[in-house]
Amino acid sequence: MSTAAIELPLFPLDAVLFPGTALPLHIFEERYRAMVADCIREEKPFGIVLVNAESEHLQEEPHAIGTMAVIRDVEELEDGRYNLIAIGTKRFRIVAQDRTRLYLSGEVELFEDAKPEDAAQTAINQARTLFMRYLELLLDDEDAEAMEQSLPDEPEELSHFIAYFLDIGNEQKQSYLEMTSTQQRLEAEVTILRREIPFMRKILEANLSNERARLN
């Protein structure tokens, strides 16, 4: 085990969490209720990892890269279930798994993008501008404005924020999580946004035309 590795409970999910983003969770399985209880008692985080699609129940195989999460706004229900918010903090790489407990855990190493400060300002500006247009099409004015005000300033944090909220598949989100170049992640997001924005506009225009036709 590397001296930089730490032990972390692991929660395989059909979801990808990014640093700086939040994921509401309803914890109902006995093994994960035990995990949450341990994390609360010991005041420690857990790791959220995307589960491999071909995994079997109770023998889930996670992707190697995940995100450490801290527990916020936890509510314990009378029957032992939990409602909570998982806040992503740091990404990690699993170096060893431990299946001796009721729930999966592992030795993980934390990492960040190689040189997040090297992201070109052009890519940062393009991603921010296009994402704001994307939000304006996706949300009502009030929600879009609130989301825009919460956009991070730091390039790596911005790229994670955009990746989390893009309407793309989990495997594609996972590929963004695994990238170690802020520039590369922002450029990939710009490519998707340039494709999705005109597509969304056409759908909205078609819906508006249909609505007008019904009224006439």
N, C-alpha and C. Protein backbone atom coordinates (compact mmCIF):
# COMPACT_ATOMS: atom_id res chain seq x y z
N MET A 1 0.85 -1.20 0.00
CA MET A 1 0.00 0.00 0.00
C MET A 1 0.87 1.25 0.00
N SER A 2 0.54 2.19 -0.87
CA SER A 2 1.26 3.45 -0.90
C SER A 2 1.03 4.22 0.39
N THR A 3 2.07 4.98 0.81
CA THR A 3 1.92 5.79 2.03
C THR A 3 0.90 6.90 1.84
N ALA A 4 0.60 7.21 0.57
CA ALA A 4 -0.37 8.27 0.28
C ALA A 4 -1.80 7.73 0.27
N ALA A 5 -1.97 6.41 0.37
CA ALA A 5 -3.30 5.82 0.28
C ALA A 5 -4.03 5.92 1.62
N ILE A 6 -5.36 6.01 1.54
CA ILE A 6 -6.19 6.05 2.73
C ILE A 6 -7.29 5.00 2.58
N GLU A 7 -7.85 4.55 3.71
CA GLU A 7 -8.95 3.60 3.67
C GLU A 7 -10.27 4.36 3.58
N LEU A 8 -11.17 3.88 2.71
CA LEU A 8 -12.41 4.62 2.46
C LEU A 8 -13.54 3.63 2.19
N PRO A 9 -14.69 3.78 2.88
CA PRO A 9 -15.87 3.00 2.50
C PRO A 9 -16.28 3.38 1.08
N LEU A 10 -16.73 2.41 0.30
CA LEU A 10 -17.08 2.65 -1.10
C LEU A 10 -18.55 2.33 -1.35
N PHE A 11 -19.21 3.22 -2.08
CA PHE A 11 -20.63 3.08 -2.38
C PHE A 11 -20.79 3.02 -3.90
N PRO A 12 -20.87 1.82 -4.50
CA PRO A 12 -21.08 1.71 -5.96
C PRO A 12 -22.50 2.10 -6.33
N LEU A 13 -22.64 3.04 -7.25
CA LEU A 13 -23.95 3.56 -7.66
C LEU A 13 -24.03 3.67 -9.17
N ASP A 14 -25.24 3.78 -9.67
CA ASP A 14 -25.45 4.08 -11.07
C ASP A 14 -25.49 5.61 -11.23
N ALA A 15 -24.42 6.25 -10.79
CA ALA A 15 -24.33 7.71 -10.81
C ALA A 15 -22.86 8.11 -10.71
N VAL A 16 -22.55 9.28 -11.24
CA VAL A 16 -21.19 9.83 -11.18
C VAL A 16 -21.24 11.15 -10.43
N LEU A 17 -20.51 11.22 -9.33
CA LEU A 17 -20.42 12.45 -8.54
C LEU A 17 -19.10 13.14 -8.86
N PHE A 18 -19.13 14.46 -8.94
CA PHE A 18 -17.94 15.26 -9.20
C PHE A 18 -17.62 16.11 -7.98
N PRO A 19 -16.36 16.47 -7.79
CA PRO A 19 -16.02 17.41 -6.70
C PRO A 19 -16.81 18.70 -6.83
N GLY A 20 -17.31 19.19 -5.69
CA GLY A 20 -18.04 20.45 -5.68
C GLY A 20 -19.50 20.34 -6.03
N THR A 21 -20.01 19.12 -6.24
CA THR A 21 -21.42 18.93 -6.58
C THR A 21 -22.11 18.11 -5.49
N ALA A 22 -23.43 18.10 -5.52
CA ALA A 22 -24.21 17.44 -4.47
C ALA A 22 -25.12 16.38 -5.06
N LEU A 23 -25.28 15.27 -4.32
CA LEU A 23 -26.12 14.17 -4.76
C LEU A 23 -27.04 13.73 -3.63
N PRO A 24 -28.36 13.91 -3.77
CA PRO A 24 -29.29 13.42 -2.73
C PRO A 24 -29.34 11.89 -2.77
N LEU A 25 -29.31 11.27 -1.60
CA LEU A 25 -29.31 9.81 -1.52
C LEU A 25 -30.35 9.33 -0.52
N HIS A 26 -31.01 8.24 -0.88
CA HIS A 26 -31.90 7.53 0.04
C HIS A 26 -31.25 6.18 0.33
N ILE A 27 -30.81 5.96 1.54
CA ILE A 27 -30.07 4.77 1.93
C ILE A 27 -31.02 3.77 2.56
N PHE A 28 -31.22 2.63 1.91
CA PHE A 28 -32.19 1.67 2.42
C PHE A 28 -31.62 0.27 2.62
N GLU A 29 -30.57 -0.12 1.85
CA GLU A 29 -30.00 -1.46 2.03
C GLU A 29 -29.25 -1.54 3.36
N GLU A 30 -29.32 -2.71 3.99
CA GLU A 30 -28.69 -2.89 5.30
C GLU A 30 -27.21 -2.58 5.28
N ARG A 31 -26.50 -3.02 4.23
CA ARG A 31 -25.05 -2.82 4.18
C ARG A 31 -24.69 -1.34 4.10
N TYR A 32 -25.48 -0.56 3.37
CA TYR A 32 -25.16 0.85 3.24
C TYR A 32 -25.70 1.68 4.40
N ARG A 33 -26.73 1.18 5.06
CA ARG A 33 -27.14 1.82 6.32
C ARG A 33 -26.02 1.68 7.34
N ALA A 34 -25.38 0.49 7.36
CA ALA A 34 -24.24 0.28 8.26
C ALA A 34 -23.09 1.20 7.88
N MET A 35 -22.85 1.37 6.59
CA MET A 35 -21.77 2.26 6.13
C MET A 35 -22.01 3.69 6.58
N VAL A 36 -23.24 4.18 6.37
CA VAL A 36 -23.56 5.55 6.76
C VAL A 36 -23.45 5.72 8.27
N ALA A 37 -23.95 4.74 9.02
CA ALA A 37 -23.85 4.81 10.49
C ALA A 37 -22.40 4.88 10.93
N ASP A 38 -21.53 4.07 10.30
CA ASP A 38 -20.10 4.10 10.64
C ASP A 38 -19.49 5.46 10.29
N CYS A 39 -19.83 6.00 9.13
CA CYS A 39 -19.28 7.29 8.71
C CYS A 39 -19.72 8.41 9.64
N ILE A 40 -20.98 8.38 10.07
CA ILE A 40 -21.48 9.41 10.98
C ILE A 40 -20.78 9.29 12.33
N ARG A 41 -20.70 8.07 12.84
CA ARG A 41 -20.09 7.86 14.16
C ARG A 41 -18.61 8.25 14.16
N GLU A 42 -17.89 7.91 13.11
CA GLU A 42 -16.45 8.17 13.04
C GLU A 42 -16.13 9.49 12.36
N GLU A 43 -17.18 10.21 11.92
CA GLU A 43 -17.00 11.52 11.26
C GLU A 43 -16.03 11.42 10.09
N LYS A 44 -16.29 10.46 9.22
CA LYS A 44 -15.42 10.26 8.06
C LYS A 44 -16.25 10.23 6.78
N PRO A 45 -15.62 10.48 5.63
CA PRO A 45 -16.33 10.47 4.35
C PRO A 45 -16.44 9.05 3.81
N PHE A 46 -17.13 8.93 2.69
CA PHE A 46 -17.15 7.68 1.94
C PHE A 46 -16.92 8.00 0.48
N GLY A 47 -16.74 6.98 -0.34
CA GLY A 47 -16.48 7.20 -1.75
C GLY A 47 -17.63 6.75 -2.61
N ILE A 48 -18.02 7.58 -3.58
CA ILE A 48 -19.04 7.21 -4.55
C ILE A 48 -18.35 6.83 -5.85
N VAL A 49 -18.67 5.62 -6.34
CA VAL A 49 -18.04 5.11 -7.56
C VAL A 49 -19.13 4.58 -8.49
N LEU A 50 -18.95 4.81 -9.78
CA LEU A 50 -19.88 4.29 -10.76
C LEU A 50 -19.72 2.77 -10.84
N VAL A 51 -20.83 2.05 -10.74
CA VAL A 51 -20.78 0.59 -10.79
C VAL A 51 -20.70 0.14 -12.25
N ASN A 52 -19.90 -0.90 -12.51
CA ASN A 52 -19.85 -1.48 -13.84
C ASN A 52 -21.18 -2.13 -14.16
N ALA A 53 -21.68 -1.90 -15.37
CA ALA A 53 -23.03 -2.33 -15.74
C ALA A 53 -23.22 -3.83 -15.64
N GLU A 54 -22.16 -4.61 -15.87
CA GLU A 54 -22.29 -6.06 -15.87
C GLU A 54 -22.16 -6.67 -14.48
N SER A 55 -22.03 -5.85 -13.46
CA SER A 55 -21.86 -6.35 -12.10
C SER A 55 -23.12 -7.06 -11.60
N GLU A 56 -22.91 -8.00 -10.69
CA GLU A 56 -24.02 -8.71 -10.06
C GLU A 56 -24.34 -8.06 -8.71
N HIS A 57 -25.61 -8.13 -8.33
CA HIS A 57 -26.03 -7.60 -7.04
C HIS A 57 -25.27 -8.28 -5.91
N LEU A 58 -24.82 -7.48 -4.96
CA LEU A 58 -24.00 -7.89 -3.80
C LEU A 58 -22.56 -8.18 -4.16
N GLN A 59 -22.24 -8.16 -5.45
CA GLN A 59 -20.86 -8.33 -5.89
C GLN A 59 -20.51 -7.24 -6.89
N GLU A 60 -20.95 -6.03 -6.60
CA GLU A 60 -20.75 -4.91 -7.53
C GLU A 60 -19.27 -4.62 -7.75
N GLU A 61 -18.92 -4.43 -9.01
CA GLU A 61 -17.56 -4.04 -9.36
C GLU A 61 -17.55 -2.56 -9.74
N PRO A 62 -16.83 -1.74 -8.99
CA PRO A 62 -16.82 -0.31 -9.28
C PRO A 62 -15.76 0.07 -10.31
N HIS A 63 -15.98 1.18 -10.98
CA HIS A 63 -14.90 1.78 -11.77
C HIS A 63 -13.77 2.18 -10.82
N ALA A 64 -12.58 2.29 -11.36
CA ALA A 64 -11.40 2.53 -10.51
C ALA A 64 -11.35 3.97 -9.98
N ILE A 65 -12.02 4.90 -10.67
CA ILE A 65 -11.98 6.31 -10.28
C ILE A 65 -13.32 6.72 -9.70
N GLY A 66 -13.29 7.37 -8.55
CA GLY A 66 -14.51 7.84 -7.92
C GLY A 66 -14.28 9.17 -7.22
N THR A 67 -15.27 9.59 -6.45
CA THR A 67 -15.20 10.88 -5.75
C THR A 67 -15.52 10.70 -4.27
N MET A 68 -14.67 11.24 -3.43
CA MET A 68 -14.92 11.24 -1.99
C MET A 68 -16.08 12.17 -1.68
N ALA A 69 -16.94 11.75 -0.75
CA ALA A 69 -18.12 12.54 -0.41
C ALA A 69 -18.25 12.68 1.10
N VAL A 70 -18.66 13.87 1.54
CA VAL A 70 -18.98 14.09 2.95
C VAL A 70 -20.49 14.14 3.08
N ILE A 71 -20.98 13.75 4.25
CA ILE A 71 -22.41 13.67 4.51
C ILE A 71 -22.93 15.00 5.05
N ARG A 72 -24.02 15.47 4.45
CA ARG A 72 -24.67 16.70 4.91
C ARG A 72 -26.18 16.46 4.99
N ASP A 73 -26.85 17.22 5.86
CA ASP A 73 -28.32 17.21 5.98
C ASP A 73 -28.86 15.79 6.12
N VAL A 74 -28.24 15.03 7.01
CA VAL A 74 -28.67 13.64 7.17
C VAL A 74 -29.94 13.56 8.01
N GLU A 75 -30.85 12.66 7.60
CA GLU A 75 -32.09 12.40 8.32
C GLU A 75 -32.21 10.89 8.51
N GLU A 76 -32.22 10.44 9.74
CA GLU A 76 -32.40 9.02 10.02
C GLU A 76 -33.88 8.75 10.25
N LEU A 77 -34.44 7.83 9.48
CA LEU A 77 -35.85 7.48 9.59
C LEU A 77 -36.06 6.42 10.67
N GLU A 78 -37.30 6.25 11.08
CA GLU A 78 -37.60 5.34 12.19
C GLU A 78 -37.20 3.90 11.91
N ASP A 79 -37.25 3.49 10.65
CA ASP A 79 -36.93 2.10 10.31
C ASP A 79 -35.46 1.89 10.00
N GLY A 80 -34.61 2.91 10.23
CA GLY A 80 -33.18 2.77 10.02
C GLY A 80 -32.66 3.25 8.68
N ARG A 81 -33.57 3.64 7.80
CA ARG A 81 -33.13 4.21 6.54
C ARG A 81 -32.63 5.63 6.75
N TYR A 82 -31.89 6.15 5.74
CA TYR A 82 -31.37 7.51 5.82
C TYR A 82 -31.71 8.28 4.55
N ASN A 83 -31.98 9.55 4.72
CA ASN A 83 -31.96 10.51 3.63
C ASN A 83 -30.80 11.46 3.91
N LEU A 84 -30.00 11.74 2.89
CA LEU A 84 -28.85 12.61 3.11
C LEU A 84 -28.42 13.25 1.79
N ILE A 85 -27.55 14.23 1.91
CA ILE A 85 -26.92 14.85 0.75
C ILE A 85 -25.44 14.51 0.79
N ALA A 86 -24.93 13.93 -0.31
CA ALA A 86 -23.50 13.65 -0.43
C ALA A 86 -22.84 14.78 -1.21
N ILE A 87 -21.85 15.43 -0.60
CA ILE A 87 -21.14 16.54 -1.24
C ILE A 87 -19.78 16.05 -1.70
N GLY A 88 -19.53 16.11 -3.01
CA GLY A 88 -18.25 15.66 -3.55
C GLY A 88 -17.11 16.58 -3.16
N THR A 89 -15.97 15.97 -2.81
CA THR A 89 -14.80 16.77 -2.42
C THR A 89 -13.60 16.50 -3.32
N LYS A 90 -12.97 15.34 -3.20
CA LYS A 90 -11.77 15.01 -3.97
C LYS A 90 -11.99 13.74 -4.77
N ARG A 91 -11.32 13.65 -5.92
CA ARG A 91 -11.33 12.41 -6.69
C ARG A 91 -10.29 11.44 -6.13
N PHE A 92 -10.55 10.16 -6.35
CA PHE A 92 -9.59 9.15 -5.89
C PHE A 92 -9.49 8.03 -6.91
N ARG A 93 -8.41 7.28 -6.76
CA ARG A 93 -8.17 6.08 -7.57
C ARG A 93 -8.09 4.89 -6.62
N ILE A 94 -8.89 3.85 -6.86
CA ILE A 94 -8.86 2.67 -6.01
C ILE A 94 -7.60 1.86 -6.31
N VAL A 95 -6.83 1.56 -5.29
CA VAL A 95 -5.63 0.75 -5.47
C VAL A 95 -5.80 -0.65 -4.90
N ALA A 96 -6.77 -0.86 -4.02
CA ALA A 96 -7.05 -2.19 -3.46
C ALA A 96 -8.47 -2.19 -2.90
N GLN A 97 -9.17 -3.32 -3.05
CA GLN A 97 -10.52 -3.45 -2.52
C GLN A 97 -10.52 -4.38 -1.30
N ASP A 98 -11.46 -4.14 -0.41
CA ASP A 98 -11.63 -4.95 0.79
C ASP A 98 -13.10 -5.34 0.89
N ARG A 99 -13.38 -6.65 0.79
CA ARG A 99 -14.76 -7.14 0.85
C ARG A 99 -15.01 -7.95 2.13
N THR A 100 -14.24 -7.70 3.16
CA THR A 100 -14.40 -8.45 4.41
C THR A 100 -15.49 -7.86 5.30
N ARG A 101 -15.89 -6.62 5.03
CA ARG A 101 -16.96 -5.99 5.81
C ARG A 101 -18.31 -6.24 5.16
N LEU A 102 -19.34 -5.77 5.83
CA LEU A 102 -20.69 -5.86 5.29
C LEU A 102 -20.79 -5.07 3.99
N TYR A 103 -20.05 -3.97 3.90
CA TYR A 103 -20.05 -3.12 2.71
C TYR A 103 -18.64 -3.06 2.13
N LEU A 104 -18.55 -2.68 0.87
CA LEU A 104 -17.27 -2.59 0.17
C LEU A 104 -16.45 -1.41 0.70
N SER A 105 -15.16 -1.62 0.84
CA SER A 105 -14.24 -0.52 1.17
C SER A 105 -12.96 -0.74 0.38
N GLY A 106 -12.06 0.20 0.48
CA GLY A 106 -10.82 0.05 -0.28
C GLY A 106 -9.76 1.03 0.13
N GLU A 107 -8.55 0.77 -0.36
CA GLU A 107 -7.45 1.72 -0.23
C GLU A 107 -7.46 2.60 -1.47
N VAL A 108 -7.47 3.91 -1.26
CA VAL A 108 -7.57 4.83 -2.39
C VAL A 108 -6.48 5.89 -2.31
N GLU A 109 -6.13 6.43 -3.46
CA GLU A 109 -5.18 7.54 -3.56
C GLU A 109 -5.90 8.74 -4.17
N LEU A 110 -5.80 9.88 -3.53
CA LEU A 110 -6.44 11.10 -4.03
C LEU A 110 -5.60 11.70 -5.15
N PHE A 111 -6.28 12.38 -6.08
CA PHE A 111 -5.55 13.05 -7.17
C PHE A 111 -6.35 14.24 -7.67
N GLU A 112 -5.67 15.13 -8.35
CA GLU A 112 -6.31 16.28 -9.00
C GLU A 112 -5.81 16.36 -10.43
N ASP A 113 -6.33 17.32 -11.20
CA ASP A 113 -5.80 17.53 -12.53
C ASP A 113 -4.33 17.91 -12.46
N ALA A 114 -3.59 17.54 -13.50
CA ALA A 114 -2.14 17.74 -13.48
C ALA A 114 -1.77 19.20 -13.28
N LYS A 115 -2.31 20.08 -14.11
CA LYS A 115 -2.03 21.51 -14.01
C LYS A 115 -3.30 22.29 -14.33
N PRO A 116 -4.23 22.34 -13.38
CA PRO A 116 -5.51 23.00 -13.67
C PRO A 116 -5.36 24.46 -14.07
N GLU A 117 -4.28 25.10 -13.60
CA GLU A 117 -4.11 26.52 -13.91
C GLU A 117 -3.69 26.75 -15.35
N ASP A 118 -3.33 25.66 -16.09
CA ASP A 118 -2.87 25.79 -17.46
C ASP A 118 -4.01 25.82 -18.48
N ALA A 119 -5.24 25.69 -18.02
CA ALA A 119 -6.37 25.73 -18.95
C ALA A 119 -6.42 27.09 -19.65
N ALA A 120 -6.55 27.06 -20.98
CA ALA A 120 -6.56 28.30 -21.75
C ALA A 120 -7.81 29.11 -21.42
N GLN A 121 -7.65 30.42 -21.33
CA GLN A 121 -8.78 31.28 -21.01
C GLN A 121 -9.88 31.17 -22.05
N THR A 122 -9.48 30.91 -23.31
CA THR A 122 -10.48 30.77 -24.37
C THR A 122 -11.42 29.61 -24.08
N ALA A 123 -10.86 28.47 -23.68
CA ALA A 123 -11.69 27.30 -23.37
C ALA A 123 -12.57 27.57 -22.16
N ILE A 124 -12.04 28.26 -21.16
CA ILE A 124 -12.82 28.60 -19.96
C ILE A 124 -13.99 29.49 -20.33
N ASN A 125 -13.74 30.54 -21.10
CA ASN A 125 -14.80 31.48 -21.49
C ASN A 125 -15.86 30.81 -22.35
N GLN A 126 -15.41 29.97 -23.31
CA GLN A 126 -16.35 29.29 -24.19
C GLN A 126 -17.25 28.35 -23.40
N ALA A 127 -16.65 27.58 -22.50
CA ALA A 127 -17.43 26.63 -21.71
C ALA A 127 -18.44 27.35 -20.83
N ARG A 128 -18.01 28.42 -20.19
CA ARG A 128 -18.91 29.16 -19.30
C ARG A 128 -20.07 29.78 -20.10
N THR A 129 -19.76 30.43 -21.21
CA THR A 129 -20.79 31.10 -22.02
C THR A 129 -21.80 30.10 -22.58
N LEU A 130 -21.28 28.99 -23.15
CA LEU A 130 -22.16 27.99 -23.73
C LEU A 130 -23.01 27.30 -22.66
N PHE A 131 -22.43 27.05 -21.50
CA PHE A 131 -23.18 26.40 -20.44
C PHE A 131 -24.30 27.30 -19.94
N MET A 132 -24.08 28.59 -19.88
CA MET A 132 -25.14 29.51 -19.47
C MET A 132 -26.28 29.50 -20.49
N ARG A 133 -25.95 29.43 -21.77
CA ARG A 133 -27.00 29.33 -22.80
C ARG A 133 -27.76 28.02 -22.65
N TYR A 134 -27.05 26.96 -22.34
CA TYR A 134 -27.64 25.64 -22.12
C TYR A 134 -28.64 25.69 -20.97
N LEU A 135 -28.24 26.35 -19.88
CA LEU A 135 -29.12 26.47 -18.72
C LEU A 135 -30.36 27.28 -19.03
N GLU A 136 -30.20 28.33 -19.83
CA GLU A 136 -31.34 29.18 -20.18
C GLU A 136 -32.38 28.41 -20.99
N LEU A 137 -31.93 27.42 -21.76
CA LEU A 137 -32.86 26.60 -22.52
C LEU A 137 -33.49 25.50 -21.67
N LEU A 138 -32.75 25.06 -20.67
CA LEU A 138 -33.16 23.92 -19.86
C LEU A 138 -34.05 24.32 -18.68
N LEU A 139 -33.80 25.52 -18.11
CA LEU A 139 -34.47 25.94 -16.88
C LEU A 139 -35.28 27.20 -17.11
N ASP A 140 -36.16 27.50 -16.15
CA ASP A 140 -36.85 28.79 -16.22
C ASP A 140 -35.87 29.89 -15.83
N ASP A 141 -36.26 31.14 -16.05
CA ASP A 141 -35.33 32.26 -15.88
C ASP A 141 -34.76 32.33 -14.47
N GLU A 142 -35.61 32.13 -13.48
CA GLU A 142 -35.16 32.26 -12.09
C GLU A 142 -34.15 31.18 -11.73
N ASP A 143 -34.45 29.93 -12.11
CA ASP A 143 -33.54 28.83 -11.80
C ASP A 143 -32.23 28.95 -12.58
N ALA A 144 -32.31 29.38 -13.83
CA ALA A 144 -31.11 29.54 -14.65
C ALA A 144 -30.21 30.62 -14.06
N GLU A 145 -30.80 31.71 -13.61
CA GLU A 145 -30.01 32.79 -13.01
C GLU A 145 -29.34 32.31 -11.72
N ALA A 146 -30.06 31.56 -10.91
CA ALA A 146 -29.48 31.04 -9.66
C ALA A 146 -28.33 30.10 -9.94
N MET A 147 -28.49 29.25 -10.96
CA MET A 147 -27.43 28.31 -11.32
C MET A 147 -26.21 29.04 -11.86
N GLU A 148 -26.44 30.05 -12.68
CA GLU A 148 -25.34 30.82 -13.25
C GLU A 148 -24.54 31.53 -12.16
N GLN A 149 -25.21 32.01 -11.13
CA GLN A 149 -24.52 32.69 -10.04
C GLN A 149 -23.67 31.73 -9.21
N SER A 150 -24.00 30.44 -9.27
CA SER A 150 -23.26 29.46 -8.48
C SER A 150 -22.12 28.82 -9.27
N LEU A 151 -21.91 29.23 -10.52
CA LEU A 151 -20.83 28.65 -11.31
C LEU A 151 -19.48 28.95 -10.66
N PRO A 152 -18.62 27.95 -10.50
CA PRO A 152 -17.31 28.18 -9.89
C PRO A 152 -16.42 29.05 -10.77
N ASP A 153 -15.48 29.73 -10.15
CA ASP A 153 -14.53 30.56 -10.89
C ASP A 153 -13.29 29.77 -11.31
N GLU A 154 -12.86 28.83 -10.46
CA GLU A 154 -11.65 28.07 -10.77
C GLU A 154 -11.91 27.12 -11.94
N PRO A 155 -10.96 27.04 -12.90
CA PRO A 155 -11.18 26.23 -14.12
C PRO A 155 -11.52 24.77 -13.84
N GLU A 156 -10.77 24.11 -12.96
CA GLU A 156 -11.04 22.69 -12.71
C GLU A 156 -12.41 22.51 -12.07
N GLU A 157 -12.75 23.37 -11.11
CA GLU A 157 -14.06 23.28 -10.46
C GLU A 157 -15.18 23.55 -11.46
N LEU A 158 -14.96 24.51 -12.36
CA LEU A 158 -15.96 24.81 -13.39
C LEU A 158 -16.17 23.61 -14.30
N SER A 159 -15.09 22.96 -14.71
CA SER A 159 -15.21 21.81 -15.61
C SER A 159 -15.94 20.66 -14.94
N HIS A 160 -15.74 20.46 -13.64
CA HIS A 160 -16.46 19.42 -12.91
C HIS A 160 -17.94 19.76 -12.79
N PHE A 161 -18.23 21.01 -12.52
CA PHE A 161 -19.61 21.47 -12.37
C PHE A 161 -20.39 21.24 -13.67
N ILE A 162 -19.80 21.64 -14.78
CA ILE A 162 -20.46 21.48 -16.08
C ILE A 162 -20.67 19.99 -16.39
N ALA A 163 -19.65 19.18 -16.16
CA ALA A 163 -19.74 17.75 -16.45
C ALA A 163 -20.87 17.10 -15.66
N TYR A 164 -21.04 17.50 -14.42
CA TYR A 164 -22.07 16.90 -13.57
C TYR A 164 -23.47 17.21 -14.07
N PHE A 165 -23.70 18.42 -14.57
CA PHE A 165 -25.04 18.85 -14.94
C PHE A 165 -25.38 18.61 -16.41
N LEU A 166 -24.41 18.24 -17.24
CA LEU A 166 -24.73 17.93 -18.62
C LEU A 166 -25.62 16.69 -18.70
N ASP A 167 -26.57 16.72 -19.62
CA ASP A 167 -27.49 15.59 -19.81
C ASP A 167 -26.83 14.58 -20.75
N ILE A 168 -25.88 13.83 -20.21
CA ILE A 168 -25.15 12.82 -20.96
C ILE A 168 -25.13 11.54 -20.14
N GLY A 169 -24.73 10.43 -20.78
CA GLY A 169 -24.71 9.15 -20.10
C GLY A 169 -23.64 9.06 -19.03
N ASN A 170 -23.83 8.14 -18.10
CA ASN A 170 -22.87 7.99 -17.00
C ASN A 170 -21.49 7.58 -17.47
N GLU A 171 -21.41 6.77 -18.51
CA GLU A 171 -20.09 6.36 -19.00
C GLU A 171 -19.31 7.56 -19.53
N GLN A 172 -20.00 8.48 -20.18
CA GLN A 172 -19.33 9.68 -20.67
C GLN A 172 -18.94 10.59 -19.50
N LYS A 173 -19.84 10.70 -18.52
CA LYS A 173 -19.49 11.47 -17.32
C LYS A 173 -18.25 10.86 -16.65
N GLN A 174 -18.22 9.54 -16.59
CA GLN A 174 -17.09 8.86 -15.96
C GLN A 174 -15.79 9.18 -16.69
N SER A 175 -15.85 9.24 -18.01
CA SER A 175 -14.63 9.57 -18.77
C SER A 175 -14.14 10.97 -18.43
N TYR A 176 -15.06 11.90 -18.17
CA TYR A 176 -14.67 13.26 -17.77
C TYR A 176 -14.07 13.24 -16.36
N LEU A 177 -14.66 12.42 -15.48
CA LEU A 177 -14.13 12.32 -14.11
C LEU A 177 -12.70 11.80 -14.12
N GLU A 178 -12.39 10.90 -15.04
CA GLU A 178 -11.09 10.26 -15.08
C GLU A 178 -10.01 11.12 -15.74
N MET A 179 -10.42 12.15 -16.47
CA MET A 179 -9.43 13.01 -17.13
C MET A 179 -8.57 13.73 -16.09
N THR A 180 -7.32 13.95 -16.41
CA THR A 180 -6.43 14.70 -15.52
C THR A 180 -5.98 16.01 -16.16
N SER A 181 -6.69 16.44 -17.20
CA SER A 181 -6.42 17.71 -17.86
C SER A 181 -7.67 18.57 -17.85
N THR A 182 -7.63 19.70 -17.16
CA THR A 182 -8.75 20.63 -17.16
C THR A 182 -9.05 21.13 -18.56
N GLN A 183 -8.00 21.44 -19.30
CA GLN A 183 -8.16 21.91 -20.68
C GLN A 183 -8.90 20.89 -21.52
N GLN A 184 -8.50 19.63 -21.43
CA GLN A 184 -9.14 18.58 -22.22
C GLN A 184 -10.61 18.42 -21.84
N ARG A 185 -10.91 18.48 -20.54
CA ARG A 185 -12.30 18.33 -20.09
C ARG A 185 -13.16 19.50 -20.60
N LEU A 186 -12.65 20.73 -20.47
CA LEU A 186 -13.40 21.89 -20.94
C LEU A 186 -13.65 21.83 -22.44
N GLU A 187 -12.64 21.43 -23.20
CA GLU A 187 -12.79 21.34 -24.66
C GLU A 187 -13.82 20.30 -25.04
N ALA A 188 -13.84 19.16 -24.32
CA ALA A 188 -14.84 18.13 -24.58
C ALA A 188 -16.24 18.64 -24.28
N GLU A 189 -16.37 19.41 -23.21
CA GLU A 189 -17.67 19.97 -22.84
C GLU A 189 -18.14 21.01 -23.85
N VAL A 190 -17.22 21.81 -24.35
CA VAL A 190 -17.57 22.80 -25.37
C VAL A 190 -18.11 22.09 -26.61
N THR A 191 -17.48 20.99 -27.00
CA THR A 191 -17.93 20.23 -28.17
C THR A 191 -19.36 19.74 -27.97
N ILE A 192 -19.67 19.21 -26.80
CA ILE A 192 -21.02 18.71 -26.52
C ILE A 192 -22.02 19.85 -26.49
N LEU A 193 -21.67 20.95 -25.83
CA LEU A 193 -22.59 22.08 -25.73
C LEU A 193 -22.89 22.68 -27.10
N ARG A 194 -21.90 22.76 -27.96
CA ARG A 194 -22.13 23.28 -29.31
C ARG A 194 -23.08 22.38 -30.10
N ARG A 195 -23.10 21.10 -29.79
CA ARG A 195 -24.00 20.17 -30.45
C ARG A 195 -25.40 20.20 -29.84
N GLU A 196 -25.45 20.28 -28.51
CA GLU A 196 -26.72 20.15 -27.81
C GLU A 196 -27.57 21.41 -27.87
N ILE A 197 -26.97 22.59 -27.83
CA ILE A 197 -27.75 23.82 -27.78
C ILE A 197 -28.63 23.99 -29.02
N PRO A 198 -28.10 23.85 -30.25
CA PRO A 198 -28.99 23.95 -31.43
C PRO A 198 -30.07 22.87 -31.44
N PHE A 199 -29.73 21.67 -30.99
CA PHE A 199 -30.70 20.58 -30.93
C PHE A 199 -31.83 20.91 -29.97
N MET A 200 -31.48 21.45 -28.80
CA MET A 200 -32.51 21.82 -27.82
C MET A 200 -33.38 22.95 -28.34
N ARG A 201 -32.78 23.91 -29.05
CA ARG A 201 -33.56 25.02 -29.60
C ARG A 201 -34.59 24.52 -30.60
N LYS A 202 -34.20 23.55 -31.45
CA LYS A 202 -35.13 23.00 -32.44
C LYS A 202 -36.30 22.31 -31.75
N ILE A 203 -36.01 21.56 -30.68
CA ILE A 203 -37.07 20.88 -29.94
C ILE A 203 -38.03 21.90 -29.32
N LEU A 204 -37.47 22.96 -28.71
CA LEU A 204 -38.32 23.97 -28.09
C LEU A 204 -39.16 24.70 -29.12
N GLU A 205 -38.57 25.01 -30.29
CA GLU A 205 -39.31 25.70 -31.36
C GLU A 205 -40.43 24.81 -31.90
N ALA A 206 -40.14 23.50 -32.02
CA ALA A 206 -41.16 22.57 -32.51
C ALA A 206 -42.30 22.46 -31.51
N ASN A 207 -41.97 22.40 -30.24
CA ASN A 207 -43.00 22.32 -29.20
C ASN A 207 -43.86 23.58 -29.18
N LEU A 208 -43.20 24.75 -29.37
CA LEU A 208 -43.94 26.00 -29.38
C LEU A 208 -44.87 26.08 -30.59
N SER A 209 -44.40 25.60 -31.74
CA SER A 209 -45.23 25.60 -32.95
C SER A 209 -46.44 24.69 -32.78
N ASN A 210 -46.23 23.53 -32.18
CA ASN A 210 -47.34 22.61 -31.93
C ASN A 210 -48.36 23.21 -30.97
N GLU A 211 -47.86 23.92 -29.97
CA GLU A 211 -48.74 24.54 -28.99
C GLU A 211 -49.59 25.62 -29.65
N ARG A 212 -48.97 26.42 -30.53
CA ARG A 212 -49.72 27.46 -31.22
C ARG A 212 -50.76 26.88 -32.16
N ALA A 213 -50.39 25.75 -32.80
CA ALA A 213 -51.33 25.11 -33.73
C ALA A 213 -52.56 24.60 -33.01
N ARG A 214 -52.40 24.11 -31.80
CA ARG A 214 -53.53 23.60 -31.02
C ARG A 214 -54.46 24.74 -30.59
N LEU A 215 -53.86 25.93 -30.39
CA LEU A 215 -54.65 27.07 -29.94
C LEU A 215 -55.46 27.71 -31.07
N ASN A 216 -55.03 27.48 -32.33
CA ASN A 216 -55.71 28.10 -33.48
C ASN A 216 -56.86 27.22 -33.99
